[in-house]
Amino acid sequence: MTSLPQHPSEGTERERPSLAIARAARALAEAGVEAPRAEAELLAAYVLGVPRGRLALADGFGADDLDRFEALVGRRVAREPLQHLTGVAGFRHLELAVGPGVFVPRPETELLAGWGIEQGRRHPAPLVVDLCSGSGAIALSVGQELPDARVVAVERSPAALAWLRRNAADRAAAGDPPIEVVAADVTDPELLAELVGRVDVLLCNPPYVPRSVAVPPEVAGHDPDEAVFGGADGLAVIRPVIGRAAELLRPGGVLGVEHDDTHGAAVPDLLARDGRFTAVAEHRDLVGRPRFATASRRADGQHAAGGPAWQTGSS
């Protein structure tokens, strides 16, 4: 078991941040945290109430601050997510409130959000739907960056809905256009019945990890199970989402769905075989892993007998 070395009791009244951060980084590295120095600095900045880039200019840790910092480092050593410790997660241009009960948004999902925003820019007032919205990361980014869009965020988990509504209220109070929050199951065949054939852009970051896959301690112990795992093959939610997306999208409307990195062929194949989509493409993340698939609703609104071919795209 990794333990955090105790801070020295003798010496000056305040301790330089660099010394405490160095000790914390060593403890985090021993615990298997991937970016120990960066996370130690982020926790120090959080405790001291300064930007990370100004830590070198901070006055230093008083005794109470140091105790608080070391307590947070101890929790991170136990693999509690950094975002739960600070209460926020960064996503594109936003800081979102997160904590127990909601999936912590990942940086790779910014690629899907960015793709959706670029698609939305092609319309003067797009209707954008975000399924499995969780904290609202995608929906609120679209709302901020496409102020003329109508954005609908769908989530079924009561715990996640509380975080989604909190973040939506915070962003509206900050001056962003309000989004619409809908409590619903994305696998419901009648989902958003009033929007059938009207949606310009539909985005979804569903639960997609196959049940047999081992996940990091931060995920296994803290992210909601229903937001992580998508059945035995990871496609249990994606399949009905594709079917409903084909009904919600207007002719020419577009779909983007994030998936597991083992689904680089499976999800595009599902889209192609559905018969109602064209321009099926696979997109990779910044390290080259399959990350999300996109497609366009057939412009004629019909259901083709044979699915179109798909290709690998770039994010």
C-alpha atoms as a PDB file:
ATOM      1  CA  MET A   1       0.000   0.000   0.000  1.00  0.00           C
ATOM      2  CA  THR A   2       1.378   3.404  -0.958  1.00  0.00           C
ATOM      3  CA  SER A   3       1.436   6.080   1.713  1.00  0.00           C
ATOM      4  CA  LEU A   4       2.155   9.761   1.422  1.00  0.00           C
ATOM      5  CA  PRO A   5       5.271  10.875   3.362  1.00  0.00           C
ATOM      6  CA  GLN A   6       4.442  13.209   6.201  1.00  0.00           C
ATOM      7  CA  HIS A   7       5.398  16.838   5.829  1.00  0.00           C
ATOM      8  CA  PRO A   8       8.150  18.006   8.156  1.00  0.00           C
ATOM      9  CA  SER A   9       7.010  19.507  11.422  1.00  0.00           C
ATOM     10  CA  GLU A  10      10.104  21.630  11.885  1.00  0.00           C
ATOM     11  CA  GLY A  11      11.260  24.557   9.786  1.00  0.00           C
ATOM     12  CA  THR A  12       9.526  27.608   8.470  1.00  0.00           C
ATOM     13  CA  GLU A  13       5.909  28.560   8.993  1.00  0.00           C
ATOM     14  CA  ARG A  14       5.013  28.017   5.328  1.00  0.00           C
ATOM     15  CA  GLU A  15       6.301  25.334   3.006  1.00  0.00           C
ATOM     16  CA  ARG A  16       7.239  26.059  -0.569  1.00  0.00           C
ATOM     17  CA  PRO A  17       4.794  24.474  -3.028  1.00  0.00           C
ATOM     18  CA  SER A  18       7.649  22.807  -4.933  1.00  0.00           C
ATOM     19  CA  LEU A  19       8.631  20.669  -1.942  1.00  0.00           C
ATOM     20  CA  ALA A  20       5.096  19.484  -1.194  1.00  0.00           C
ATOM     21  CA  ILE A  21       4.420  18.867  -4.874  1.00  0.00           C
ATOM     22  CA  ALA A  22       7.576  16.778  -5.256  1.00  0.00           C
ATOM     23  CA  ARG A  23       6.553  14.555  -2.339  1.00  0.00           C
ATOM     24  CA  ALA A  24       3.022  14.236  -3.686  1.00  0.00           C
ATOM     25  CA  ALA A  25       4.239  13.408  -7.198  1.00  0.00           C
ATOM     26  CA  ARG A  26       6.371  10.575  -5.851  1.00  0.00           C
ATOM     27  CA  ALA A  27       3.434   9.121  -3.930  1.00  0.00           C
ATOM     28  CA  LEU A  28       1.116   9.413  -6.934  1.00  0.00           C
ATOM     29  CA  ALA A  29       3.684   7.762  -9.208  1.00  0.00           C
ATOM     30  CA  GLU A  30       4.059   4.858  -6.789  1.00  0.00           C
ATOM     31  CA  ALA A  31       0.269   4.468  -6.805  1.00  0.00           C
ATOM     32  CA  GLY A  32       0.215   4.140 -10.601  1.00  0.00           C
ATOM     33  CA  VAL A  33      -1.281   7.542 -11.474  1.00  0.00           C
ATOM     34  CA  GLU A  34      -0.365   8.255 -15.108  1.00  0.00           C
ATOM     35  CA  ALA A  35       0.538  11.946 -14.799  1.00  0.00           C
ATOM     36  CA  PRO A  36       1.717  12.276 -11.184  1.00  0.00           C
ATOM     37  CA  ARG A  37       3.514  15.616 -11.423  1.00  0.00           C
ATOM     38  CA  ALA A  38       0.720  17.323 -13.325  1.00  0.00           C
ATOM     39  CA  GLU A  39      -1.918  16.024 -10.928  1.00  0.00           C
ATOM     40  CA  ALA A  40       0.113  17.035  -7.880  1.00  0.00           C
ATOM     41  CA  GLU A  41       0.372  20.545  -9.315  1.00  0.00           C
ATOM     42  CA  LEU A  42      -3.348  20.668 -10.062  1.00  0.00           C
ATOM     43  CA  LEU A  43      -4.198  19.645  -6.508  1.00  0.00           C
ATOM     44  CA  ALA A  44      -1.748  22.198  -5.093  1.00  0.00           C
ATOM     45  CA  ALA A  45      -3.239  24.936  -7.260  1.00  0.00           C
ATOM     46  CA  TYR A  46      -6.719  23.926  -6.143  1.00  0.00           C
ATOM     47  CA  VAL A  47      -5.810  24.093  -2.457  1.00  0.00           C
ATOM     48  CA  LEU A  48      -3.904  27.377  -2.784  1.00  0.00           C
ATOM     49  CA  GLY A  49      -6.575  28.966  -4.991  1.00  0.00           C
ATOM     50  CA  VAL A  50      -4.173  29.958  -7.761  1.00  0.00           C
ATOM     51  CA  PRO A  51      -3.818  28.981 -11.432  1.00  0.00           C
ATOM     52  CA  ARG A  52      -1.439  26.078 -11.959  1.00  0.00           C
ATOM     53  CA  GLY A  53       0.903  28.327 -13.942  1.00  0.00           C
ATOM     54  CA  ARG A  54       1.358  30.639 -10.950  1.00  0.00           C
ATOM     55  CA  LEU A  55       2.298  28.033  -8.361  1.00  0.00           C
ATOM     56  CA  ALA A  56       5.899  29.220  -8.327  1.00  0.00           C
ATOM     57  CA  LEU A  57       4.687  32.666  -7.236  1.00  0.00           C
ATOM     58  CA  ALA A  58       2.358  31.395  -4.508  1.00  0.00           C
ATOM     59  CA  ASP A  59       3.130  32.189  -0.881  1.00  0.00           C
ATOM     60  CA  GLY A  60       3.305  28.528   0.044  1.00  0.00           C
ATOM     61  CA  PHE A  61       1.408  26.110   2.233  1.00  0.00           C
ATOM     62  CA  GLY A  62       0.410  27.030   5.741  1.00  0.00           C
ATOM     63  CA  ALA A  63      -0.166  24.140   8.132  1.00  0.00           C
ATOM     64  CA  ASP A  64      -3.898  23.880   7.433  1.00  0.00           C
ATOM     65  CA  ASP A  65      -3.436  24.103   3.678  1.00  0.00           C
ATOM     66  CA  LEU A  66      -0.717  21.473   3.772  1.00  0.00           C
ATOM     67  CA  ASP A  67      -2.897  19.106   5.777  1.00  0.00           C
ATOM     68  CA  ARG A  68      -5.702  19.607   3.269  1.00  0.00           C
ATOM     69  CA  PHE A  69      -3.376  19.072   0.320  1.00  0.00           C
ATOM     70  CA  GLU A  70      -1.927  15.881   1.752  1.00  0.00           C
ATOM     71  CA  ALA A  71      -5.415  14.562   2.518  1.00  0.00           C
ATOM     72  CA  LEU A  72      -6.432  15.120  -1.112  1.00  0.00           C
ATOM     73  CA  VAL A  73      -3.246  13.469  -2.361  1.00  0.00           C
ATOM     74  CA  GLY A  74      -3.998  10.500  -0.123  1.00  0.00           C
ATOM     75  CA  ARG A  75      -7.424  10.162  -1.709  1.00  0.00           C
ATOM     76  CA  ARG A  76      -5.871  10.365  -5.170  1.00  0.00           C
ATOM     77  CA  VAL A  77      -3.347   7.706  -4.167  1.00  0.00           C
ATOM     78  CA  ALA A  78      -6.396   5.543  -3.414  1.00  0.00           C
ATOM     79  CA  ARG A  79      -7.418   6.290  -7.048  1.00  0.00           C
ATOM     80  CA  GLU A  80     -10.340   8.566  -6.384  1.00  0.00           C
ATOM     81  CA  PRO A  81     -10.706  10.602  -9.600  1.00  0.00           C
ATOM     82  CA  LEU A  82      -8.960  13.955  -9.647  1.00  0.00           C
ATOM     83  CA  GLN A  83     -12.164  15.582 -10.868  1.00  0.00           C
ATOM     84  CA  HIS A  84     -14.056  14.320  -7.817  1.00  0.00           C
ATOM     85  CA  LEU A  85     -11.437  15.903  -5.581  1.00  0.00           C
ATOM     86  CA  THR A  86     -11.598  19.300  -7.243  1.00  0.00           C
ATOM     87  CA  GLY A  87     -15.308  19.073  -8.150  1.00  0.00           C
ATOM     88  CA  VAL A  88     -14.793  20.136 -11.757  1.00  0.00           C
ATOM     89  CA  ALA A  89     -13.862  18.676 -15.129  1.00  0.00           C
ATOM     90  CA  GLY A  90     -12.575  20.730 -18.032  1.00  0.00           C
ATOM     91  CA  PHE A  91     -14.180  20.132 -21.432  1.00  0.00           C
ATOM     92  CA  ARG A  92     -13.410  22.308 -24.452  1.00  0.00           C
ATOM     93  CA  HIS A  93     -14.071  25.864 -23.162  1.00  0.00           C
ATOM     94  CA  LEU A  94     -16.103  24.792 -20.127  1.00  0.00           C
ATOM     95  CA  GLU A  95     -15.588  23.823 -16.508  1.00  0.00           C
ATOM     96  CA  LEU A  96     -18.323  21.409 -15.473  1.00  0.00           C
ATOM     97  CA  ALA A  97     -19.364  20.350 -11.993  1.00  0.00           C
ATOM     98  CA  VAL A  98     -18.909  16.600 -11.534  1.00  0.00           C
ATOM     99  CA  GLY A  99     -18.930  14.115  -8.694  1.00  0.00           C
ATOM    100  CA  PRO A 100     -20.407  10.805  -7.578  1.00  0.00           C
ATOM    101  CA  GLY A 101     -23.247   9.629  -9.794  1.00  0.00           C
ATOM    102  CA  VAL A 102     -22.104  11.110 -13.105  1.00  0.00           C
ATOM    103  CA  PHE A 103     -19.558   9.997 -15.686  1.00  0.00           C
ATOM    104  CA  VAL A 104     -16.497  12.243 -15.782  1.00  0.00           C
ATOM    105  CA  PRO A 105     -16.157  13.581 -19.361  1.00  0.00           C
ATOM    106  CA  ARG A 106     -12.940  12.574 -21.120  1.00  0.00           C
ATOM    107  CA  PRO A 107     -10.754  14.765 -23.359  1.00  0.00           C
ATOM    108  CA  GLU A 108     -11.199  12.408 -26.323  1.00  0.00           C
ATOM    109  CA  THR A 109     -14.921  13.148 -26.365  1.00  0.00           C
ATOM    110  CA  GLU A 110     -14.037  16.740 -27.240  1.00  0.00           C
ATOM    111  CA  LEU A 111     -13.339  15.419 -30.746  1.00  0.00           C
ATOM    112  CA  LEU A 112     -16.917  14.225 -31.169  1.00  0.00           C
ATOM    113  CA  ALA A 113     -18.259  17.483 -29.757  1.00  0.00           C
ATOM    114  CA  GLY A 114     -16.025  19.473 -32.107  1.00  0.00           C
ATOM    115  CA  TRP A 115     -17.194  17.465 -35.101  1.00  0.00           C
ATOM    116  CA  GLY A 116     -20.819  18.076 -34.133  1.00  0.00           C
ATOM    117  CA  ILE A 117     -20.224  21.800 -33.702  1.00  0.00           C
ATOM    118  CA  GLU A 118     -18.633  22.015 -37.146  1.00  0.00           C
ATOM    119  CA  GLN A 119     -21.620  20.205 -38.641  1.00  0.00           C
ATOM    120  CA  GLY A 120     -23.987  22.561 -36.849  1.00  0.00           C
ATOM    121  CA  ARG A 121     -22.217  25.614 -38.257  1.00  0.00           C
ATOM    122  CA  ARG A 122     -23.618  24.679 -41.657  1.00  0.00           C
ATOM    123  CA  HIS A 123     -27.116  25.675 -40.527  1.00  0.00           C
ATOM    124  CA  PRO A 124     -28.375  29.088 -39.363  1.00  0.00           C
ATOM    125  CA  ALA A 125     -30.290  27.654 -36.386  1.00  0.00           C
ATOM    126  CA  PRO A 126     -29.561  23.922 -36.078  1.00  0.00           C
ATOM    127  CA  LEU A 127     -31.510  21.481 -33.954  1.00  0.00           C
ATOM    128  CA  VAL A 128     -28.904  19.417 -32.085  1.00  0.00           C
ATOM    129  CA  VAL A 129     -29.678  16.422 -29.866  1.00  0.00           C
ATOM    130  CA  ASP A 130     -27.211  14.960 -27.360  1.00  0.00           C
ATOM    131  CA  LEU A 131     -28.106  11.441 -26.188  1.00  0.00           C
ATOM    132  CA  CYS A 132     -26.634   9.944 -22.978  1.00  0.00           C
ATOM    133  CA  SER A 133     -25.755  13.493 -21.978  1.00  0.00           C
ATOM    134  CA  GLY A 134     -24.382  12.769 -18.499  1.00  0.00           C
ATOM    135  CA  SER A 135     -22.812  15.948 -17.128  1.00  0.00           C
ATOM    136  CA  GLY A 136     -23.927  17.831 -20.249  1.00  0.00           C
ATOM    137  CA  ALA A 137     -20.414  18.203 -21.645  1.00  0.00           C
ATOM    138  CA  ILE A 138     -21.358  17.815 -25.302  1.00  0.00           C
ATOM    139  CA  ALA A 139     -24.711  19.598 -25.148  1.00  0.00           C
ATOM    140  CA  LEU A 140     -23.369  22.582 -23.221  1.00  0.00           C
ATOM    141  CA  SER A 141     -20.344  22.915 -25.497  1.00  0.00           C
ATOM    142  CA  VAL A 142     -22.661  22.977 -28.508  1.00  0.00           C
ATOM    143  CA  GLY A 143     -24.873  25.527 -26.789  1.00  0.00           C
ATOM    144  CA  GLN A 144     -21.940  27.775 -25.973  1.00  0.00           C
ATOM    145  CA  GLU A 145     -20.255  27.571 -29.369  1.00  0.00           C
ATOM    146  CA  LEU A 146     -23.446  27.602 -31.464  1.00  0.00           C
ATOM    147  CA  PRO A 147     -25.557  30.222 -29.694  1.00  0.00           C
ATOM    148  CA  ASP A 148     -28.315  30.073 -32.328  1.00  0.00           C
ATOM    149  CA  ALA A 149     -28.785  26.321 -31.950  1.00  0.00           C
ATOM    150  CA  ARG A 150     -31.642  24.594 -30.199  1.00  0.00           C
ATOM    151  CA  VAL A 151     -29.938  21.945 -28.052  1.00  0.00           C
ATOM    152  CA  VAL A 152     -31.752  19.016 -26.445  1.00  0.00           C
ATOM    153  CA  ALA A 153     -29.889  16.886 -23.883  1.00  0.00           C
ATOM    154  CA  VAL A 154     -31.285  13.453 -22.968  1.00  0.00           C
ATOM    155  CA  GLU A 155     -30.309  11.500 -19.840  1.00  0.00           C
ATOM    156  CA  ARG A 156     -32.109   8.798 -17.861  1.00  0.00           C
ATOM    157  CA  SER A 157     -30.073   8.466 -14.626  1.00  0.00           C
ATOM    158  CA  PRO A 158     -31.576  10.550 -11.784  1.00  0.00           C
ATOM    159  CA  ALA A 159     -28.112  11.118 -10.302  1.00  0.00           C
ATOM    160  CA  ALA A 160     -26.625  12.221 -13.627  1.00  0.00           C
ATOM    161  CA  LEU A 161     -29.667  14.380 -14.348  1.00  0.00           C
ATOM    162  CA  ALA A 162     -28.989  16.346 -11.163  1.00  0.00           C
ATOM    163  CA  TRP A 163     -25.468  17.165 -12.375  1.00  0.00           C
ATOM    164  CA  LEU A 164     -26.730  17.910 -15.901  1.00  0.00           C
ATOM    165  CA  ARG A 165     -29.361  20.334 -14.626  1.00  0.00           C
ATOM    166  CA  ARG A 166     -26.852  21.994 -12.303  1.00  0.00           C
ATOM    167  CA  ASN A 167     -24.374  22.519 -15.134  1.00  0.00           C
ATOM    168  CA  ALA A 168     -27.097  23.738 -17.486  1.00  0.00           C
ATOM    169  CA  ALA A 169     -28.255  26.253 -14.890  1.00  0.00           C
ATOM    170  CA  ASP A 170     -24.680  27.401 -14.250  1.00  0.00           C
ATOM    171  CA  ARG A 171     -23.999  27.950 -17.941  1.00  0.00           C
ATOM    172  CA  ALA A 172     -27.278  29.815 -18.437  1.00  0.00           C
ATOM    173  CA  ALA A 173     -26.406  32.030 -15.459  1.00  0.00           C
ATOM    174  CA  ALA A 174     -23.024  32.701 -17.078  1.00  0.00           C
ATOM    175  CA  GLY A 175     -24.773  33.944 -20.209  1.00  0.00           C
ATOM    176  CA  ASP A 176     -24.809  30.906 -22.477  1.00  0.00           C
ATOM    177  CA  PRO A 177     -28.070  30.126 -24.291  1.00  0.00           C
ATOM    178  CA  PRO A 178     -30.154  27.683 -22.233  1.00  0.00           C
ATOM    179  CA  ILE A 179     -30.429  24.081 -23.359  1.00  0.00           C
ATOM    180  CA  GLU A 180     -33.392  21.726 -22.963  1.00  0.00           C
ATOM    181  CA  VAL A 181     -32.971  18.786 -20.585  1.00  0.00           C
ATOM    182  CA  VAL A 182     -35.120  15.708 -21.131  1.00  0.00           C
ATOM    183  CA  ALA A 183     -35.315  12.782 -18.691  1.00  0.00           C
ATOM    184  CA  ALA A 184     -35.648   9.719 -20.910  1.00  0.00           C
ATOM    185  CA  ASP A 185     -34.111   6.381 -21.874  1.00  0.00           C
ATOM    186  CA  VAL A 186     -32.295   6.615 -25.214  1.00  0.00           C
ATOM    187  CA  THR A 187     -33.346   3.038 -26.039  1.00  0.00           C
ATOM    188  CA  ASP A 188     -37.048   3.975 -25.862  1.00  0.00           C
ATOM    189  CA  PRO A 189     -38.489   3.431 -29.371  1.00  0.00           C
ATOM    190  CA  GLU A 190     -40.672   6.532 -28.878  1.00  0.00           C
ATOM    191  CA  LEU A 191     -37.816   8.773 -27.738  1.00  0.00           C
ATOM    192  CA  LEU A 192     -38.382  12.444 -28.659  1.00  0.00           C
ATOM    193  CA  ALA A 193     -41.357  11.547 -30.829  1.00  0.00           C
ATOM    194  CA  GLU A 194     -42.097  15.222 -31.444  1.00  0.00           C
ATOM    195  CA  LEU A 195     -38.709  15.633 -33.154  1.00  0.00           C
ATOM    196  CA  VAL A 196     -38.957  12.781 -35.669  1.00  0.00           C
ATOM    197  CA  GLY A 197     -37.526  13.859 -39.014  1.00  0.00           C
ATOM    198  CA  ARG A 198     -36.407  17.268 -37.728  1.00  0.00           C
ATOM    199  CA  VAL A 199     -32.968  16.872 -36.123  1.00  0.00           C
ATOM    200  CA  ASP A 200     -29.954  18.352 -37.923  1.00  0.00           C
ATOM    201  CA  VAL A 201     -27.179  16.911 -35.739  1.00  0.00           C
ATOM    202  CA  LEU A 202     -27.453  13.990 -33.322  1.00  0.00           C
ATOM    203  CA  LEU A 203     -24.505  13.198 -31.035  1.00  0.00           C
ATOM    204  CA  CYS A 204     -24.120  10.381 -28.552  1.00  0.00           C
ATOM    205  CA  ASN A 205     -21.423   9.235 -26.127  1.00  0.00           C
ATOM    206  CA  PRO A 206     -23.154   6.087 -24.832  1.00  0.00           C
ATOM    207  CA  PRO A 207     -21.986   3.391 -22.437  1.00  0.00           C
ATOM    208  CA  TYR A 208     -19.875   1.229 -24.747  1.00  0.00           C
ATOM    209  CA  VAL A 209     -17.246  -0.752 -22.839  1.00  0.00           C
ATOM    210  CA  PRO A 210     -17.753  -4.532 -23.241  1.00  0.00           C
ATOM    211  CA  ARG A 211     -18.608  -6.112 -19.894  1.00  0.00           C
ATOM    212  CA  SER A 212     -15.528  -8.352 -19.873  1.00  0.00           C
ATOM    213  CA  VAL A 213     -13.054  -5.474 -20.211  1.00  0.00           C
ATOM    214  CA  ALA A 214     -11.065  -4.482 -17.123  1.00  0.00           C
ATOM    215  CA  VAL A 215     -11.217  -0.730 -16.495  1.00  0.00           C
ATOM    216  CA  PRO A 216      -8.966   1.525 -14.379  1.00  0.00           C
ATOM    217  CA  PRO A 217      -9.703   1.912 -10.653  1.00  0.00           C
ATOM    218  CA  GLU A 218     -11.012   5.442 -11.172  1.00  0.00           C
ATOM    219  CA  VAL A 219     -13.645   4.059 -13.541  1.00  0.00           C
ATOM    220  CA  ALA A 220     -14.434   0.820 -11.728  1.00  0.00           C
ATOM    221  CA  GLY A 221     -14.828   2.463  -8.354  1.00  0.00           C
ATOM    222  CA  HIS A 222     -16.363   5.825  -9.222  1.00  0.00           C
ATOM    223  CA  ASP A 223     -17.931   6.173 -12.685  1.00  0.00           C
ATOM    224  CA  PRO A 224     -21.526   4.860 -12.752  1.00  0.00           C
ATOM    225  CA  ASP A 225     -21.608   1.306 -14.076  1.00  0.00           C
ATOM    226  CA  GLU A 226     -24.537   2.089 -16.385  1.00  0.00           C
ATOM    227  CA  ALA A 227     -22.555   4.927 -17.966  1.00  0.00           C
ATOM    228  CA  VAL A 228     -19.541   2.721 -18.709  1.00  0.00           C
ATOM    229  CA  PHE A 229     -20.601  -0.759 -19.805  1.00  0.00           C
ATOM    230  CA  GLY A 230     -22.711  -1.437 -22.874  1.00  0.00           C
ATOM    231  CA  GLY A 231     -23.579  -5.088 -22.432  1.00  0.00           C
ATOM    232  CA  ALA A 232     -21.534  -8.155 -23.309  1.00  0.00           C
ATOM    233  CA  ASP A 233     -20.189  -6.719 -26.574  1.00  0.00           C
ATOM    234  CA  GLY A 234     -20.432  -3.023 -25.689  1.00  0.00           C
ATOM    235  CA  LEU A 235     -23.050  -2.367 -28.363  1.00  0.00           C
ATOM    236  CA  ALA A 236     -26.264  -2.857 -26.374  1.00  0.00           C
ATOM    237  CA  VAL A 237     -27.047   0.878 -26.334  1.00  0.00           C
ATOM    238  CA  ILE A 238     -25.449   1.802 -29.637  1.00  0.00           C
ATOM    239  CA  ARG A 239     -27.711  -0.522 -31.641  1.00  0.00           C
ATOM    240  CA  PRO A 240     -31.024   1.096 -30.620  1.00  0.00           C
ATOM    241  CA  VAL A 241     -29.476   4.575 -30.750  1.00  0.00           C
ATOM    242  CA  ILE A 242     -28.599   4.056 -34.410  1.00  0.00           C
ATOM    243  CA  GLY A 243     -32.124   2.936 -35.166  1.00  0.00           C
ATOM    244  CA  ARG A 244     -33.732   5.858 -33.379  1.00  0.00           C
ATOM    245  CA  ALA A 245     -31.260   8.340 -34.857  1.00  0.00           C
ATOM    246  CA  ALA A 246     -32.357   7.292 -38.343  1.00  0.00           C
ATOM    247  CA  GLU A 247     -35.914   8.275 -37.416  1.00  0.00           C
ATOM    248  CA  LEU A 248     -35.078  11.521 -35.627  1.00  0.00           C
ATOM    249  CA  LEU A 249     -32.725  12.925 -38.264  1.00  0.00           C
ATOM    250  CA  ARG A 250     -34.083  14.889 -41.165  1.00  0.00           C
ATOM    251  CA  PRO A 251     -32.915  13.843 -44.647  1.00  0.00           C
ATOM    252  CA  GLY A 252     -29.276  14.953 -44.797  1.00  0.00           C
ATOM    253  CA  GLY A 253     -29.008  15.228 -41.020  1.00  0.00           C
ATOM    254  CA  VAL A 254     -25.886  13.765 -39.427  1.00  0.00           C
ATOM    255  CA  LEU A 255     -25.073  11.370 -36.593  1.00  0.00           C
ATOM    256  CA  GLY A 256     -21.888  11.048 -34.539  1.00  0.00           C
ATOM    257  CA  VAL A 257     -21.495   8.280 -31.965  1.00  0.00           C
ATOM    258  CA  GLU A 258     -18.477   7.563 -29.777  1.00  0.00           C
ATOM    259  CA  HIS A 259     -17.474   3.930 -29.263  1.00  0.00           C
ATOM    260  CA  ASP A 260     -14.876   1.628 -27.737  1.00  0.00           C
ATOM    261  CA  ASP A 261     -11.546   1.430 -29.515  1.00  0.00           C
ATOM    262  CA  THR A 262     -12.337  -2.194 -30.360  1.00  0.00           C
ATOM    263  CA  HIS A 263     -15.428  -1.080 -32.314  1.00  0.00           C
ATOM    264  CA  GLY A 264     -13.637   0.633 -35.185  1.00  0.00           C
ATOM    265  CA  ALA A 265     -15.279  -1.741 -37.652  1.00  0.00           C
ATOM    266  CA  ALA A 266     -18.358  -2.856 -35.726  1.00  0.00           C
ATOM    267  CA  VAL A 267     -20.083   0.526 -35.369  1.00  0.00           C
ATOM    268  CA  PRO A 268     -19.536   1.692 -38.967  1.00  0.00           C
ATOM    269  CA  ASP A 269     -20.819  -1.714 -40.091  1.00  0.00           C
ATOM    270  CA  LEU A 270     -23.984  -1.260 -38.025  1.00  0.00           C
ATOM    271  CA  LEU A 271     -24.518   2.131 -39.628  1.00  0.00           C
ATOM    272  CA  ALA A 272     -23.886   0.821 -43.130  1.00  0.00           C
ATOM    273  CA  ARG A 273     -26.154  -2.202 -42.699  1.00  0.00           C
ATOM    274  CA  ASP A 274     -29.022  -0.091 -41.345  1.00  0.00           C
ATOM    275  CA  GLY A 275     -29.641   1.121 -44.883  1.00  0.00           C
ATOM    276  CA  ARG A 276     -30.825   4.609 -43.942  1.00  0.00           C
ATOM    277  CA  PHE A 277     -27.391   6.226 -43.793  1.00  0.00           C
ATOM    278  CA  THR A 278     -24.765   7.283 -46.259  1.00  0.00           C
ATOM    279  CA  ALA A 279     -21.272   8.809 -45.933  1.00  0.00           C
ATOM    280  CA  VAL A 280     -20.418   6.410 -43.097  1.00  0.00           C
ATOM    281  CA  ALA A 281     -16.960   7.191 -41.726  1.00  0.00           C
ATOM    282  CA  GLU A 282     -14.731   6.165 -38.837  1.00  0.00           C
ATOM    283  CA  HIS A 283     -12.690   8.763 -36.948  1.00  0.00           C
ATOM    284  CA  ARG A 284      -9.564   8.229 -34.875  1.00  0.00           C
ATOM    285  CA  ASP A 285      -8.399  10.121 -31.809  1.00  0.00           C
ATOM    286  CA  LEU A 286      -5.117  11.986 -31.426  1.00  0.00           C
ATOM    287  CA  VAL A 287      -3.154   8.797 -30.700  1.00  0.00           C
ATOM    288  CA  GLY A 288      -4.659   6.916 -33.634  1.00  0.00           C
ATOM    289  CA  ARG A 289      -7.277   4.812 -31.850  1.00  0.00           C
ATOM    290  CA  PRO A 290     -10.749   4.352 -33.382  1.00  0.00           C
ATOM    291  CA  ARG A 291     -12.910   6.809 -31.422  1.00  0.00           C
ATOM    292  CA  PHE A 292     -16.210   7.706 -33.104  1.00  0.00           C
ATOM    293  CA  ALA A 293     -18.244   6.968 -36.195  1.00  0.00           C
ATOM    294  CA  THR A 294     -20.309   9.386 -38.256  1.00  0.00           C
ATOM    295  CA  ALA A 295     -22.959   9.088 -40.936  1.00  0.00           C
ATOM    296  CA  SER A 296     -25.525  11.130 -42.832  1.00  0.00           C
ATOM    297  CA  ARG A 297     -29.234  10.317 -43.122  1.00  0.00           C
ATOM    298  CA  ARG A 298     -30.017   9.486 -46.719  1.00  0.00           C
ATOM    299  CA  ALA A 299     -31.092  12.653 -48.509  1.00  0.00           C
ATOM    300  CA  ASP A 300     -34.074  10.861 -50.047  1.00  0.00           C
ATOM    301  CA  GLY A 301     -35.201   9.770 -46.581  1.00  0.00           C
ATOM    302  CA  GLN A 302     -35.485   6.178 -47.780  1.00  0.00           C
ATOM    303  CA  HIS A 303     -34.224   2.849 -46.500  1.00  0.00           C
ATOM    304  CA  ALA A 304     -31.706   1.290 -48.877  1.00  0.00           C
ATOM    305  CA  ALA A 305     -31.710  -2.481 -49.300  1.00  0.00           C
ATOM    306  CA  GLY A 306     -27.922  -2.678 -49.101  1.00  0.00           C
ATOM    307  CA  GLY A 307     -25.741  -0.614 -46.807  1.00  0.00           C
ATOM    308  CA  PRO A 308     -23.183   1.807 -48.253  1.00  0.00           C
ATOM    309  CA  ALA A 309     -19.467   1.303 -47.885  1.00  0.00           C
ATOM    310  CA  TRP A 310     -17.714   3.227 -45.146  1.00  0.00           C
ATOM    311  CA  GLN A 311     -14.293   4.749 -44.837  1.00  0.00           C
ATOM    312  CA  THR A 312     -11.818   5.851 -42.205  1.00  0.00           C
ATOM    313  CA  GLY A 313     -11.973   9.569 -41.565  1.00  0.00           C
ATOM    314  CA  SER A 314      -9.882  11.992 -39.580  1.00  0.00           C
ATOM    315  CA  SER A 315     -11.007  13.827 -36.471  1.00  0.00           C
END
